[in-house]
Amino acid sequence: MTISKGYSDVFEALGDGSAIAQNLKIRADLMKTLREFIDDAGLGQKEAAEVFGVHQPRISDLMRGKIDKFTIDVLVNMLARVGKSVEFRAA
């Protein structure tokens, strides 16, 4: 029987400090913030698309967590459209 190390989240499983893991974590956090904004504002997908300046299928991808469909730039731009700022810290 082999026992493997457990991970606290999927990003840690991808590798300690790997560029891929860091990028995925940032995108996941930004997507979560956008989904929370949409939910808190009570917006439907069509309304959210108008607010963010994208087509409705993009909001569907966002709500379904299709992280591979979004870059950090796109997510930051969407947040900026609703007055949200993004702060990054390099450590």
C-alpha atoms as a PDB file:
ATOM      1  CA  MET A   1       0.000   0.000   0.000  1.00  0.00           C
ATOM      2  CA  THR A   2       1.300   3.434  -0.909  1.00  0.00           C
ATOM      3  CA  ILE A   3       0.326   6.534   1.017  1.00  0.00           C
ATOM      4  CA  SER A   4       0.703   9.803  -0.826  1.00  0.00           C
ATOM      5  CA  LYS A   5       0.902  13.316   0.501  1.00  0.00           C
ATOM      6  CA  GLY A   6      -2.371  15.205   0.811  1.00  0.00           C
ATOM      7  CA  TYR A   7      -2.816  18.730  -0.513  1.00  0.00           C
ATOM      8  CA  SER A   8      -4.755  21.635   0.885  1.00  0.00           C
ATOM      9  CA  ASP A   9      -6.124  22.538  -2.565  1.00  0.00           C
ATOM     10  CA  VAL A  10      -5.766  21.703  -6.236  1.00  0.00           C
ATOM     11  CA  PHE A  11      -3.308  24.561  -6.768  1.00  0.00           C
ATOM     12  CA  GLU A  12      -0.893  23.121  -4.228  1.00  0.00           C
ATOM     13  CA  ALA A  13      -1.172  19.752  -5.942  1.00  0.00           C
ATOM     14  CA  LEU A  14       0.099  21.308  -9.178  1.00  0.00           C
ATOM     15  CA  GLY A  15       3.374  22.212  -7.535  1.00  0.00           C
ATOM     16  CA  ASP A  16       4.745  24.435  -4.845  1.00  0.00           C
ATOM     17  CA  GLY A  17       4.974  27.921  -6.286  1.00  0.00           C
ATOM     18  CA  SER A  18       4.754  26.774  -9.882  1.00  0.00           C
ATOM     19  CA  ALA A  19       3.810  29.433 -12.403  1.00  0.00           C
ATOM     20  CA  ILE A  20       0.857  27.345 -13.564  1.00  0.00           C
ATOM     21  CA  ALA A  21      -0.508  26.964 -10.039  1.00  0.00           C
ATOM     22  CA  GLN A  22      -0.093  30.661  -9.302  1.00  0.00           C
ATOM     23  CA  ASN A  23      -1.832  31.673 -12.521  1.00  0.00           C
ATOM     24  CA  LEU A  24      -4.735  29.298 -11.889  1.00  0.00           C
ATOM     25  CA  LYS A  25      -5.129  30.548  -8.310  1.00  0.00           C
ATOM     26  CA  ILE A  26      -5.249  34.192  -9.439  1.00  0.00           C
ATOM     27  CA  ARG A  27      -7.798  33.430 -12.164  1.00  0.00           C
ATOM     28  CA  ALA A  28      -9.927  31.364  -9.768  1.00  0.00           C
ATOM     29  CA  ASP A  29      -9.966  34.203  -7.217  1.00  0.00           C
ATOM     30  CA  LEU A  30     -10.909  36.785  -9.864  1.00  0.00           C
ATOM     31  CA  MET A  31     -13.653  34.545 -11.248  1.00  0.00           C
ATOM     32  CA  LYS A  32     -15.035  34.005  -7.756  1.00  0.00           C
ATOM     33  CA  THR A  33     -15.196  37.759  -7.206  1.00  0.00           C
ATOM     34  CA  LEU A  34     -17.049  38.245 -10.494  1.00  0.00           C
ATOM     35  CA  ARG A  35     -19.534  35.462  -9.714  1.00  0.00           C
ATOM     36  CA  GLU A  36     -20.163  36.946  -6.263  1.00  0.00           C
ATOM     37  CA  PHE A  37     -20.789  40.369  -7.828  1.00  0.00           C
ATOM     38  CA  ILE A  38     -23.301  38.879 -10.266  1.00  0.00           C
ATOM     39  CA  ASP A  39     -25.082  36.942  -7.510  1.00  0.00           C
ATOM     40  CA  ASP A  40     -25.123  39.882  -5.067  1.00  0.00           C
ATOM     41  CA  ALA A  41     -26.478  42.209  -7.765  1.00  0.00           C
ATOM     42  CA  GLY A  42     -29.133  39.658  -8.718  1.00  0.00           C
ATOM     43  CA  LEU A  43     -28.135  39.812 -12.366  1.00  0.00           C
ATOM     44  CA  GLY A  44     -29.159  37.265 -14.946  1.00  0.00           C
ATOM     45  CA  GLN A  45     -26.586  36.152 -17.474  1.00  0.00           C
ATOM     46  CA  LYS A  46     -27.839  38.493 -20.193  1.00  0.00           C
ATOM     47  CA  GLU A  47     -27.817  41.474 -17.820  1.00  0.00           C
ATOM     48  CA  ALA A  48     -24.367  40.571 -16.539  1.00  0.00           C
ATOM     49  CA  ALA A  49     -23.078  40.338 -20.096  1.00  0.00           C
ATOM     50  CA  GLU A  50     -24.282  43.888 -20.770  1.00  0.00           C
ATOM     51  CA  VAL A  51     -22.703  45.179 -17.551  1.00  0.00           C
ATOM     52  CA  PHE A  52     -19.337  43.539 -18.290  1.00  0.00           C
ATOM     53  CA  GLY A  53     -19.350  44.284 -22.013  1.00  0.00           C
ATOM     54  CA  VAL A  54     -19.188  40.647 -23.110  1.00  0.00           C
ATOM     55  CA  HIS A  55     -21.531  38.200 -24.799  1.00  0.00           C
ATOM     56  CA  GLN A  56     -23.825  36.011 -22.687  1.00  0.00           C
ATOM     57  CA  PRO A  57     -21.910  32.777 -23.433  1.00  0.00           C
ATOM     58  CA  ARG A  58     -18.871  34.320 -21.702  1.00  0.00           C
ATOM     59  CA  ILE A  59     -20.943  34.806 -18.547  1.00  0.00           C
ATOM     60  CA  SER A  60     -22.103  31.203 -18.824  1.00  0.00           C
ATOM     61  CA  ASP A  61     -18.448  30.110 -19.005  1.00  0.00           C
ATOM     62  CA  LEU A  62     -17.687  32.265 -15.970  1.00  0.00           C
ATOM     63  CA  MET A  63     -20.576  30.902 -13.932  1.00  0.00           C
ATOM     64  CA  ARG A  64     -19.628  27.319 -14.819  1.00  0.00           C
ATOM     65  CA  GLY A  65     -16.029  27.933 -13.696  1.00  0.00           C
ATOM     66  CA  LYS A  66     -14.443  27.315 -17.088  1.00  0.00           C
ATOM     67  CA  ILE A  67     -11.130  28.765 -15.994  1.00  0.00           C
ATOM     68  CA  ASP A  68      -9.366  27.831 -19.241  1.00  0.00           C
ATOM     69  CA  LYS A  69     -11.591  30.303 -21.138  1.00  0.00           C
ATOM     70  CA  PHE A  70     -10.270  33.371 -19.284  1.00  0.00           C
ATOM     71  CA  THR A  71      -6.984  35.209 -18.967  1.00  0.00           C
ATOM     72  CA  ILE A  72      -6.050  37.359 -16.015  1.00  0.00           C
ATOM     73  CA  ASP A  73      -6.271  40.434 -18.271  1.00  0.00           C
ATOM     74  CA  VAL A  74      -9.849  39.705 -19.319  1.00  0.00           C
ATOM     75  CA  LEU A  75     -10.954  39.116 -15.733  1.00  0.00           C
ATOM     76  CA  VAL A  76      -9.283  42.311 -14.471  1.00  0.00           C
ATOM     77  CA  ASN A  77     -10.951  44.289 -17.277  1.00  0.00           C
ATOM     78  CA  MET A  78     -14.355  42.841 -16.399  1.00  0.00           C
ATOM     79  CA  LEU A  79     -13.896  43.815 -12.752  1.00  0.00           C
ATOM     80  CA  ALA A  80     -12.821  47.324 -13.741  1.00  0.00           C
ATOM     81  CA  ARG A  81     -16.090  47.779 -15.639  1.00  0.00           C
ATOM     82  CA  VAL A  82     -17.953  47.588 -12.330  1.00  0.00           C
ATOM     83  CA  GLY A  83     -15.529  49.760 -10.396  1.00  0.00           C
ATOM     84  CA  LYS A  84     -13.606  46.951  -8.737  1.00  0.00           C
ATOM     85  CA  SER A  85      -9.855  47.299  -8.412  1.00  0.00           C
ATOM     86  CA  VAL A  86      -7.400  44.447  -8.290  1.00  0.00           C
ATOM     87  CA  GLU A  87      -4.271  44.471  -6.159  1.00  0.00           C
ATOM     88  CA  PHE A  88      -1.374  42.109  -6.660  1.00  0.00           C
ATOM     89  CA  ARG A  89       1.525  41.573  -4.360  1.00  0.00           C
ATOM     90  CA  ALA A  90       4.717  39.850  -5.387  1.00  0.00           C
ATOM     91  CA  ALA A  91       6.405  37.997  -2.572  1.00  0.00           C
END
